Amino acid sequence: MSKITHIQSLVDLGLSENEATCYLVILRNGASSTSDIAKNMNVLPNAVYRLLDKLEGYKMIVSLGASPMKYQAVPVKEAVSSLVQTQTKLLEESKLQAIDALSDHPSKAETRINFITGQDQFFKTFVQLAARAKKEILVISIGEPVPDEIKLATRDALAKGIDCKFIFHKSDEENAGLLSSWVAMGVSVAHYADSGFHLLVFDGQEAVLVSSNPSETAERSGMIITSPSLANALRDFFYARWAKAASIAK
């Protein structure tokens, strides 16, 4: 497996490319000082401190009581497990925030939940709900190839003046052409490294929240939510991610 593939594996789990590279440098070279890491990454030492703080927070490295301070990588299995647990905890916190928002702002409208499974049903649901949208379509997804029906539904929404914003977990050479095609179509596109879930929000009225298997992304299950209060809470989650995401231009 190449170094680039190693980095991408960690990026798919939520690390930035620099965080992934920093971890792999320490893993490969053993206990390392800040200056050692900076030299191996070809960056200034000051740029390394933030990366080390992040990796310590994910419990992927530990600091050693040496002078100068050195850092040691946690073994891969334990490090990746810790990273996944942290990302899961963040998503769980976001879910609880959404539930709290729904409780604080009860809607007079009936809340309906319908369950969906599989990639095909997920795509069909997007097409159906996009056709009903009037103002806004928000998407968080992998950045995977999609059927022509998805592109046509998005094109029709844009033609009606609907604002479409897409955040993709993945942005690399493999899907660069796909992301550029969305931008060329008129979609506002950004990248935020994450994995394991998909979110669609339509006009702050309806939403789709789906989890997927990172190793087999066609395996997914989740729910269609018809509830303005909960859909707006998920809309707020989207925009919190949007504020942190990197914009992708043509």
C-alpha atoms as a PDB file:
ATOM      1  CA  MET A   1       0.000   0.000   0.000  1.00  0.00           C
ATOM      2  CA  SER A   2       1.472   3.383  -1.008  1.00  0.00           C
ATOM      3  CA  LYS A   3       2.082   6.326   1.299  1.00  0.00           C
ATOM      4  CA  ILE A   4      -0.671   8.270  -0.489  1.00  0.00           C
ATOM      5  CA  THR A   5      -3.112   5.428   0.180  1.00  0.00           C
ATOM      6  CA  HIS A   6      -2.096   5.393   3.848  1.00  0.00           C
ATOM      7  CA  ILE A   7      -2.812   9.110   4.099  1.00  0.00           C
ATOM      8  CA  GLN A   8      -6.147   8.792   2.285  1.00  0.00           C
ATOM      9  CA  SER A   9      -7.222   5.977   4.625  1.00  0.00           C
ATOM     10  CA  LEU A  10      -6.816   8.336   7.577  1.00  0.00           C
ATOM     11  CA  VAL A  11      -8.386  11.274   5.730  1.00  0.00           C
ATOM     12  CA  ASP A  12     -11.437   9.094   5.035  1.00  0.00           C
ATOM     13  CA  LEU A  13     -11.787   8.669   8.805  1.00  0.00           C
ATOM     14  CA  GLY A  14     -11.758  12.403   9.471  1.00  0.00           C
ATOM     15  CA  LEU A  15      -8.141  13.595   9.666  1.00  0.00           C
ATOM     16  CA  SER A  16      -6.833  16.401   7.496  1.00  0.00           C
ATOM     17  CA  GLU A  17      -4.034  15.458   5.100  1.00  0.00           C
ATOM     18  CA  ASN A  18      -1.487  17.246   7.298  1.00  0.00           C
ATOM     19  CA  GLU A  19      -2.727  15.492  10.449  1.00  0.00           C
ATOM     20  CA  ALA A  20      -2.546  12.124   8.684  1.00  0.00           C
ATOM     21  CA  THR A  21       0.954  12.869   7.395  1.00  0.00           C
ATOM     22  CA  CYS A  22       2.119  13.956  10.847  1.00  0.00           C
ATOM     23  CA  TYR A  23       0.855  10.741  12.438  1.00  0.00           C
ATOM     24  CA  LEU A  24       2.516   8.591   9.764  1.00  0.00           C
ATOM     25  CA  VAL A  25       5.823  10.460  10.154  1.00  0.00           C
ATOM     26  CA  ILE A  26       5.871   9.738  13.892  1.00  0.00           C
ATOM     27  CA  LEU A  27       4.732   6.152  13.335  1.00  0.00           C
ATOM     28  CA  ARG A  28       7.489   5.569  10.795  1.00  0.00           C
ATOM     29  CA  ASN A  29      10.335   7.319  12.626  1.00  0.00           C
ATOM     30  CA  GLY A  30       9.530   6.485  16.236  1.00  0.00           C
ATOM     31  CA  ALA A  31       9.675   8.999  19.090  1.00  0.00           C
ATOM     32  CA  SER A  32      10.227  12.400  17.466  1.00  0.00           C
ATOM     33  CA  SER A  33      10.679  15.989  18.560  1.00  0.00           C
ATOM     34  CA  THR A  34       8.749  18.867  17.036  1.00  0.00           C
ATOM     35  CA  SER A  35      11.768  19.885  14.987  1.00  0.00           C
ATOM     36  CA  ASP A  36      12.227  16.298  13.746  1.00  0.00           C
ATOM     37  CA  ILE A  37       8.615  16.147  12.628  1.00  0.00           C
ATOM     38  CA  ALA A  38       8.782  19.569  10.953  1.00  0.00           C
ATOM     39  CA  LYS A  39      11.924  18.533   9.075  1.00  0.00           C
ATOM     40  CA  ASN A  40      10.344  15.297   7.823  1.00  0.00           C
ATOM     41  CA  MET A  41       7.171  17.116   6.782  1.00  0.00           C
ATOM     42  CA  ASN A  42       9.126  20.019   5.256  1.00  0.00           C
ATOM     43  CA  VAL A  43       7.168  22.602   7.251  1.00  0.00           C
ATOM     44  CA  LEU A  44       7.997  25.157   9.942  1.00  0.00           C
ATOM     45  CA  PRO A  45       7.956  23.865  13.569  1.00  0.00           C
ATOM     46  CA  ASN A  46       5.167  26.294  14.491  1.00  0.00           C
ATOM     47  CA  ALA A  47       2.899  24.553  11.974  1.00  0.00           C
ATOM     48  CA  VAL A  48       3.414  21.230  13.746  1.00  0.00           C
ATOM     49  CA  TYR A  49       2.088  22.233  17.180  1.00  0.00           C
ATOM     50  CA  ARG A  50      -1.557  22.429  16.077  1.00  0.00           C
ATOM     51  CA  LEU A  51      -1.272  19.045  14.379  1.00  0.00           C
ATOM     52  CA  LEU A  52       0.180  17.474  17.512  1.00  0.00           C
ATOM     53  CA  ASP A  53      -2.617  18.947  19.651  1.00  0.00           C
ATOM     54  CA  LYS A  54      -5.202  17.443  17.313  1.00  0.00           C
ATOM     55  CA  LEU A  55      -3.559  14.019  17.277  1.00  0.00           C
ATOM     56  CA  GLU A  56      -3.225  14.028  21.063  1.00  0.00           C
ATOM     57  CA  GLY A  57      -6.911  14.899  21.285  1.00  0.00           C
ATOM     58  CA  TYR A  58      -7.708  11.906  19.091  1.00  0.00           C
ATOM     59  CA  LYS A  59      -5.406   9.810  21.336  1.00  0.00           C
ATOM     60  CA  MET A  60      -3.348   8.796  18.323  1.00  0.00           C
ATOM     61  CA  ILE A  61      -0.046   9.989  19.821  1.00  0.00           C
ATOM     62  CA  VAL A  62       1.356  10.457  23.329  1.00  0.00           C
ATOM     63  CA  SER A  63       3.891  12.998  24.579  1.00  0.00           C
ATOM     64  CA  LEU A  64       6.979  11.675  26.333  1.00  0.00           C
ATOM     65  CA  GLY A  65       8.610  13.337  29.314  1.00  0.00           C
ATOM     66  CA  ALA A  66      11.811  14.118  27.470  1.00  0.00           C
ATOM     67  CA  SER A  67      13.775  17.276  26.831  1.00  0.00           C
ATOM     68  CA  PRO A  68      13.172  18.351  24.178  1.00  0.00           C
ATOM     69  CA  MET A  69       9.601  17.028  24.251  1.00  0.00           C
ATOM     70  CA  LYS A  70       9.103  14.026  22.021  1.00  0.00           C
ATOM     71  CA  TYR A  71       5.990  12.357  20.701  1.00  0.00           C
ATOM     72  CA  GLN A  72       5.302   8.683  20.099  1.00  0.00           C
ATOM     73  CA  ALA A  73       2.621   7.193  17.841  1.00  0.00           C
ATOM     74  CA  VAL A  74      -0.013   4.918  19.349  1.00  0.00           C
ATOM     75  CA  PRO A  75      -0.105   1.580  17.452  1.00  0.00           C
ATOM     76  CA  VAL A  76      -2.256   1.738  14.333  1.00  0.00           C
ATOM     77  CA  LYS A  77      -5.110  -0.483  15.533  1.00  0.00           C
ATOM     78  CA  GLU A  78      -5.595   1.442  18.770  1.00  0.00           C
ATOM     79  CA  ALA A  79      -5.061   4.825  17.094  1.00  0.00           C
ATOM     80  CA  VAL A  80      -7.659   4.214  14.380  1.00  0.00           C
ATOM     81  CA  SER A  81     -10.148   2.827  16.915  1.00  0.00           C
ATOM     82  CA  SER A  82      -9.719   5.947  19.047  1.00  0.00           C
ATOM     83  CA  LEU A  83     -10.204   8.212  16.023  1.00  0.00           C
ATOM     84  CA  VAL A  84     -13.413   6.423  15.013  1.00  0.00           C
ATOM     85  CA  GLN A  85     -14.735   6.632  18.582  1.00  0.00           C
ATOM     86  CA  THR A  86     -14.067  10.367  18.669  1.00  0.00           C
ATOM     87  CA  GLN A  87     -15.817  10.967  15.331  1.00  0.00           C
ATOM     88  CA  THR A  88     -18.758   8.833  16.459  1.00  0.00           C
ATOM     89  CA  LYS A  89     -18.998  10.836  19.668  1.00  0.00           C
ATOM     90  CA  LEU A  90     -19.069  14.106  17.703  1.00  0.00           C
ATOM     91  CA  LEU A  91     -21.881  12.806  15.492  1.00  0.00           C
ATOM     92  CA  GLU A  92     -23.783  11.593  18.558  1.00  0.00           C
ATOM     93  CA  GLU A  93     -23.448  15.044  20.124  1.00  0.00           C
ATOM     94  CA  SER A  94     -24.798  16.598  16.947  1.00  0.00           C
ATOM     95  CA  LYS A  95     -27.727  14.189  17.053  1.00  0.00           C
ATOM     96  CA  LEU A  96     -28.499  15.168  20.652  1.00  0.00           C
ATOM     97  CA  GLN A  97     -28.315  18.842  19.733  1.00  0.00           C
ATOM     98  CA  ALA A  98     -30.824  18.193  16.963  1.00  0.00           C
ATOM     99  CA  ILE A  99     -33.133  16.398  19.406  1.00  0.00           C
ATOM    100  CA  ASP A 100     -32.804  19.261  21.910  1.00  0.00           C
ATOM    101  CA  ALA A 101     -33.644  21.769  19.200  1.00  0.00           C
ATOM    102  CA  LEU A 102     -36.756  19.804  18.310  1.00  0.00           C
ATOM    103  CA  SER A 103     -37.791  19.638  21.960  1.00  0.00           C
ATOM    104  CA  ASP A 104     -37.232  23.377  22.503  1.00  0.00           C
ATOM    105  CA  HIS A 105     -39.171  24.362  19.391  1.00  0.00           C
ATOM    106  CA  PRO A 106     -42.070  21.927  19.017  1.00  0.00           C
ATOM    107  CA  SER A 107     -43.777  21.997  15.664  1.00  0.00           C
ATOM    108  CA  LYS A 108     -47.516  21.922  15.245  1.00  0.00           C
ATOM    109  CA  ALA A 109     -47.013  19.845  12.144  1.00  0.00           C
ATOM    110  CA  GLU A 110     -46.935  16.089  12.477  1.00  0.00           C
ATOM    111  CA  THR A 111     -43.463  14.572  12.578  1.00  0.00           C
ATOM    112  CA  ARG A 112     -43.076  11.597  10.264  1.00  0.00           C
ATOM    113  CA  ILE A 113     -40.140   9.212  10.061  1.00  0.00           C
ATOM    114  CA  ASN A 114     -39.756   6.741   7.196  1.00  0.00           C
ATOM    115  CA  PHE A 115     -36.840   4.337   7.026  1.00  0.00           C
ATOM    116  CA  ILE A 116     -34.756   3.634   3.937  1.00  0.00           C
ATOM    117  CA  THR A 117     -32.028   1.124   3.158  1.00  0.00           C
ATOM    118  CA  GLY A 118     -29.510   0.785   0.351  1.00  0.00           C
ATOM    119  CA  GLN A 119     -27.804   3.162  -2.031  1.00  0.00           C
ATOM    120  CA  ASP A 120     -30.509   2.973  -4.718  1.00  0.00           C
ATOM    121  CA  GLN A 121     -33.298   3.985  -2.347  1.00  0.00           C
ATOM    122  CA  PHE A 122     -31.116   6.829  -1.066  1.00  0.00           C
ATOM    123  CA  PHE A 123     -30.658   8.143  -4.606  1.00  0.00           C
ATOM    124  CA  LYS A 124     -34.365   7.781  -5.430  1.00  0.00           C
ATOM    125  CA  THR A 125     -35.284   9.695  -2.282  1.00  0.00           C
ATOM    126  CA  PHE A 126     -33.034  12.574  -3.303  1.00  0.00           C
ATOM    127  CA  VAL A 127     -34.740  12.811  -6.693  1.00  0.00           C
ATOM    128  CA  GLN A 128     -38.215  12.791  -5.117  1.00  0.00           C
ATOM    129  CA  LEU A 129     -37.481  15.408  -2.467  1.00  0.00           C
ATOM    130  CA  ALA A 130     -35.450  17.626  -4.806  1.00  0.00           C
ATOM    131  CA  ALA A 131     -38.479  17.843  -7.092  1.00  0.00           C
ATOM    132  CA  ARG A 132     -40.494  19.290  -4.169  1.00  0.00           C
ATOM    133  CA  ALA A 133     -37.840  21.754  -3.020  1.00  0.00           C
ATOM    134  CA  LYS A 134     -38.500  25.474  -3.537  1.00  0.00           C
ATOM    135  CA  LYS A 135     -35.556  27.387  -2.069  1.00  0.00           C
ATOM    136  CA  GLU A 136     -32.630  25.287  -0.872  1.00  0.00           C
ATOM    137  CA  ILE A 137     -31.017  21.847  -1.150  1.00  0.00           C
ATOM    138  CA  LEU A 138     -28.160  20.993   1.218  1.00  0.00           C
ATOM    139  CA  VAL A 139     -26.111  17.805   0.871  1.00  0.00           C
ATOM    140  CA  ILE A 140     -23.327  16.157   2.852  1.00  0.00           C
ATOM    141  CA  SER A 141     -22.092  13.015   1.127  1.00  0.00           C
ATOM    142  CA  ILE A 142     -19.036  11.042   0.066  1.00  0.00           C
ATOM    143  CA  GLY A 143     -18.263  12.592  -3.298  1.00  0.00           C
ATOM    144  CA  GLU A 144     -19.054   9.386  -5.138  1.00  0.00           C
ATOM    145  CA  PRO A 145     -20.252   8.814  -8.717  1.00  0.00           C
ATOM    146  CA  VAL A 146     -24.041   9.198  -8.927  1.00  0.00           C
ATOM    147  CA  PRO A 147     -26.715   8.163 -11.445  1.00  0.00           C
ATOM    148  CA  ASP A 148     -27.737  10.629 -14.165  1.00  0.00           C
ATOM    149  CA  GLU A 149     -31.088  11.048 -12.380  1.00  0.00           C
ATOM    150  CA  ILE A 150     -29.313  12.804  -9.496  1.00  0.00           C
ATOM    151  CA  LYS A 151     -27.578  15.224 -11.835  1.00  0.00           C
ATOM    152  CA  LEU A 152     -30.791  15.909 -13.749  1.00  0.00           C
ATOM    153  CA  ALA A 153     -32.722  16.540 -10.525  1.00  0.00           C
ATOM    154  CA  THR A 154     -30.020  18.954  -9.390  1.00  0.00           C
ATOM    155  CA  ARG A 155     -29.923  20.698 -12.764  1.00  0.00           C
ATOM    156  CA  ASP A 156     -33.709  21.152 -12.670  1.00  0.00           C
ATOM    157  CA  ALA A 157     -33.499  22.568  -9.127  1.00  0.00           C
ATOM    158  CA  LEU A 158     -30.826  25.056 -10.161  1.00  0.00           C
ATOM    159  CA  ALA A 159     -32.910  26.080 -13.176  1.00  0.00           C
ATOM    160  CA  LYS A 160     -35.716  26.973 -10.754  1.00  0.00           C
ATOM    161  CA  GLY A 161     -33.364  29.225  -8.797  1.00  0.00           C
ATOM    162  CA  ILE A 162     -32.917  26.819  -5.908  1.00  0.00           C
ATOM    163  CA  ASP A 163     -29.690  27.302  -3.937  1.00  0.00           C
ATOM    164  CA  CYS A 164     -27.732  24.002  -3.919  1.00  0.00           C
ATOM    165  CA  LYS A 165     -24.807  23.513  -1.549  1.00  0.00           C
ATOM    166  CA  PHE A 166     -22.902  20.209  -1.416  1.00  0.00           C
ATOM    167  CA  ILE A 167     -20.212  19.189   1.096  1.00  0.00           C
ATOM    168  CA  PHE A 168     -18.184  16.139   0.117  1.00  0.00           C
ATOM    169  CA  HIS A 169     -16.147  13.990   2.488  1.00  0.00           C
ATOM    170  CA  LYS A 170     -13.716  13.076  -0.254  1.00  0.00           C
ATOM    171  CA  SER A 171     -11.700  15.384  -2.480  1.00  0.00           C
ATOM    172  CA  ASP A 172      -8.750  13.869  -4.311  1.00  0.00           C
ATOM    173  CA  GLU A 173      -7.501  13.047  -7.792  1.00  0.00           C
ATOM    174  CA  GLU A 174      -9.971  10.181  -8.092  1.00  0.00           C
ATOM    175  CA  ASN A 175     -13.087  12.354  -7.813  1.00  0.00           C
ATOM    176  CA  ALA A 176     -11.678  15.763  -8.840  1.00  0.00           C
ATOM    177  CA  GLY A 177     -13.488  15.612 -12.185  1.00  0.00           C
ATOM    178  CA  LEU A 178     -16.798  14.800 -10.519  1.00  0.00           C
ATOM    179  CA  LEU A 179     -16.504  17.685  -8.054  1.00  0.00           C
ATOM    180  CA  SER A 180     -15.547  20.073 -10.847  1.00  0.00           C
ATOM    181  CA  SER A 181     -18.611  18.982 -12.838  1.00  0.00           C
ATOM    182  CA  TRP A 182     -20.859  19.910  -9.896  1.00  0.00           C
ATOM    183  CA  VAL A 183     -19.194  23.316  -9.674  1.00  0.00           C
ATOM    184  CA  ALA A 184     -19.575  23.822 -13.433  1.00  0.00           C
ATOM    185  CA  MET A 185     -23.262  22.987 -13.098  1.00  0.00           C
ATOM    186  CA  GLY A 186     -23.713  25.830 -10.607  1.00  0.00           C
ATOM    187  CA  VAL A 187     -23.625  23.953  -7.304  1.00  0.00           C
ATOM    188  CA  SER A 188     -21.669  25.533  -4.425  1.00  0.00           C
ATOM    189  CA  VAL A 189     -19.212  22.782  -3.477  1.00  0.00           C
ATOM    190  CA  ALA A 190     -16.941  22.366  -0.450  1.00  0.00           C
ATOM    191  CA  HIS A 191     -14.809  19.620   1.095  1.00  0.00           C
ATOM    192  CA  TYR A 192     -14.858  18.536   4.744  1.00  0.00           C
ATOM    193  CA  ALA A 193     -13.056  15.289   5.517  1.00  0.00           C
ATOM    194  CA  ASP A 194     -15.450  12.910   7.244  1.00  0.00           C
ATOM    195  CA  SER A 195     -17.086   9.544   6.656  1.00  0.00           C
ATOM    196  CA  GLY A 196     -19.878   7.206   7.657  1.00  0.00           C
ATOM    197  CA  PHE A 197     -22.932   9.382   7.113  1.00  0.00           C
ATOM    198  CA  HIS A 198     -24.959  11.311   4.522  1.00  0.00           C
ATOM    199  CA  LEU A 199     -27.258  14.257   5.134  1.00  0.00           C
ATOM    200  CA  LEU A 200     -29.824  15.888   2.842  1.00  0.00           C
ATOM    201  CA  VAL A 201     -31.911  18.905   3.867  1.00  0.00           C
ATOM    202  CA  PHE A 202     -34.641  20.405   1.685  1.00  0.00           C
ATOM    203  CA  ASP A 203     -35.959  23.918   2.494  1.00  0.00           C
ATOM    204  CA  GLY A 204     -35.480  23.242   6.213  1.00  0.00           C
ATOM    205  CA  GLN A 205     -38.684  21.174   6.013  1.00  0.00           C
ATOM    206  CA  GLU A 206     -37.569  17.661   5.119  1.00  0.00           C
ATOM    207  CA  ALA A 207     -34.291  15.865   5.742  1.00  0.00           C
ATOM    208  CA  VAL A 208     -32.623  12.538   5.118  1.00  0.00           C
ATOM    209  CA  LEU A 209     -30.033  11.205   7.569  1.00  0.00           C
ATOM    210  CA  VAL A 210     -28.276   8.006   6.550  1.00  0.00           C
ATOM    211  CA  SER A 211     -25.328   6.047   7.911  1.00  0.00           C
ATOM    212  CA  SER A 212     -23.079   4.010   5.633  1.00  0.00           C
ATOM    213  CA  ASN A 213     -20.407   1.364   5.936  1.00  0.00           C
ATOM    214  CA  PRO A 214     -17.073   3.147   5.202  1.00  0.00           C
ATOM    215  CA  SER A 215     -15.613  -0.040   3.734  1.00  0.00           C
ATOM    216  CA  GLU A 216     -18.702  -0.768   1.582  1.00  0.00           C
ATOM    217  CA  THR A 217     -20.429   2.549   1.007  1.00  0.00           C
ATOM    218  CA  ALA A 218     -23.365   1.071  -0.925  1.00  0.00           C
ATOM    219  CA  GLU A 219     -24.468  -0.450   2.391  1.00  0.00           C
ATOM    220  CA  ARG A 220     -26.457   2.304   4.040  1.00  0.00           C
ATOM    221  CA  SER A 221     -29.572   2.762   6.112  1.00  0.00           C
ATOM    222  CA  GLY A 222     -31.318   5.705   7.651  1.00  0.00           C
ATOM    223  CA  MET A 223     -34.458   7.789   7.751  1.00  0.00           C
ATOM    224  CA  ILE A 224     -36.508  10.368   5.903  1.00  0.00           C
ATOM    225  CA  ILE A 225     -37.544  13.040   8.393  1.00  0.00           C
ATOM    226  CA  THR A 226     -40.570  15.215   7.786  1.00  0.00           C
ATOM    227  CA  SER A 227     -40.352  17.788  10.561  1.00  0.00           C
ATOM    228  CA  PRO A 228     -39.524  21.482  10.166  1.00  0.00           C
ATOM    229  CA  SER A 229     -38.001  21.663  13.661  1.00  0.00           C
ATOM    230  CA  LEU A 230     -35.700  18.692  13.237  1.00  0.00           C
ATOM    231  CA  ALA A 231     -34.923  19.514   9.612  1.00  0.00           C
ATOM    232  CA  ASN A 232     -33.871  23.017  10.679  1.00  0.00           C
ATOM    233  CA  ALA A 233     -31.659  21.566  13.413  1.00  0.00           C
ATOM    234  CA  LEU A 234     -29.954  19.421  10.770  1.00  0.00           C
ATOM    235  CA  ARG A 235     -29.734  22.504   8.555  1.00  0.00           C
ATOM    236  CA  ASP A 236     -27.836  24.245  11.363  1.00  0.00           C
ATOM    237  CA  PHE A 237     -25.497  21.235  11.546  1.00  0.00           C
ATOM    238  CA  PHE A 238     -24.876  21.513   7.813  1.00  0.00           C
ATOM    239  CA  TYR A 239     -23.951  25.183   8.055  1.00  0.00           C
ATOM    240  CA  ALA A 240     -21.644  24.512  11.013  1.00  0.00           C
ATOM    241  CA  ARG A 241     -19.777  22.073   8.760  1.00  0.00           C
ATOM    242  CA  TRP A 242     -19.988  24.500   5.825  1.00  0.00           C
ATOM    243  CA  ALA A 243     -18.230  27.188   7.862  1.00  0.00           C
ATOM    244  CA  LYS A 244     -15.273  24.825   8.397  1.00  0.00           C
ATOM    245  CA  ALA A 245     -15.207  23.268   4.949  1.00  0.00           C
ATOM    246  CA  ALA A 246     -12.772  24.156   2.168  1.00  0.00           C
ATOM    247  CA  SER A 247     -14.451  25.700  -0.865  1.00  0.00           C
ATOM    248  CA  ILE A 248     -13.895  23.957  -4.201  1.00  0.00           C
ATOM    249  CA  ALA A 249     -13.769  26.085  -7.329  1.00  0.00           C
ATOM    250  CA  LYS A 250     -13.538  25.086 -10.985  1.00  0.00           C
END
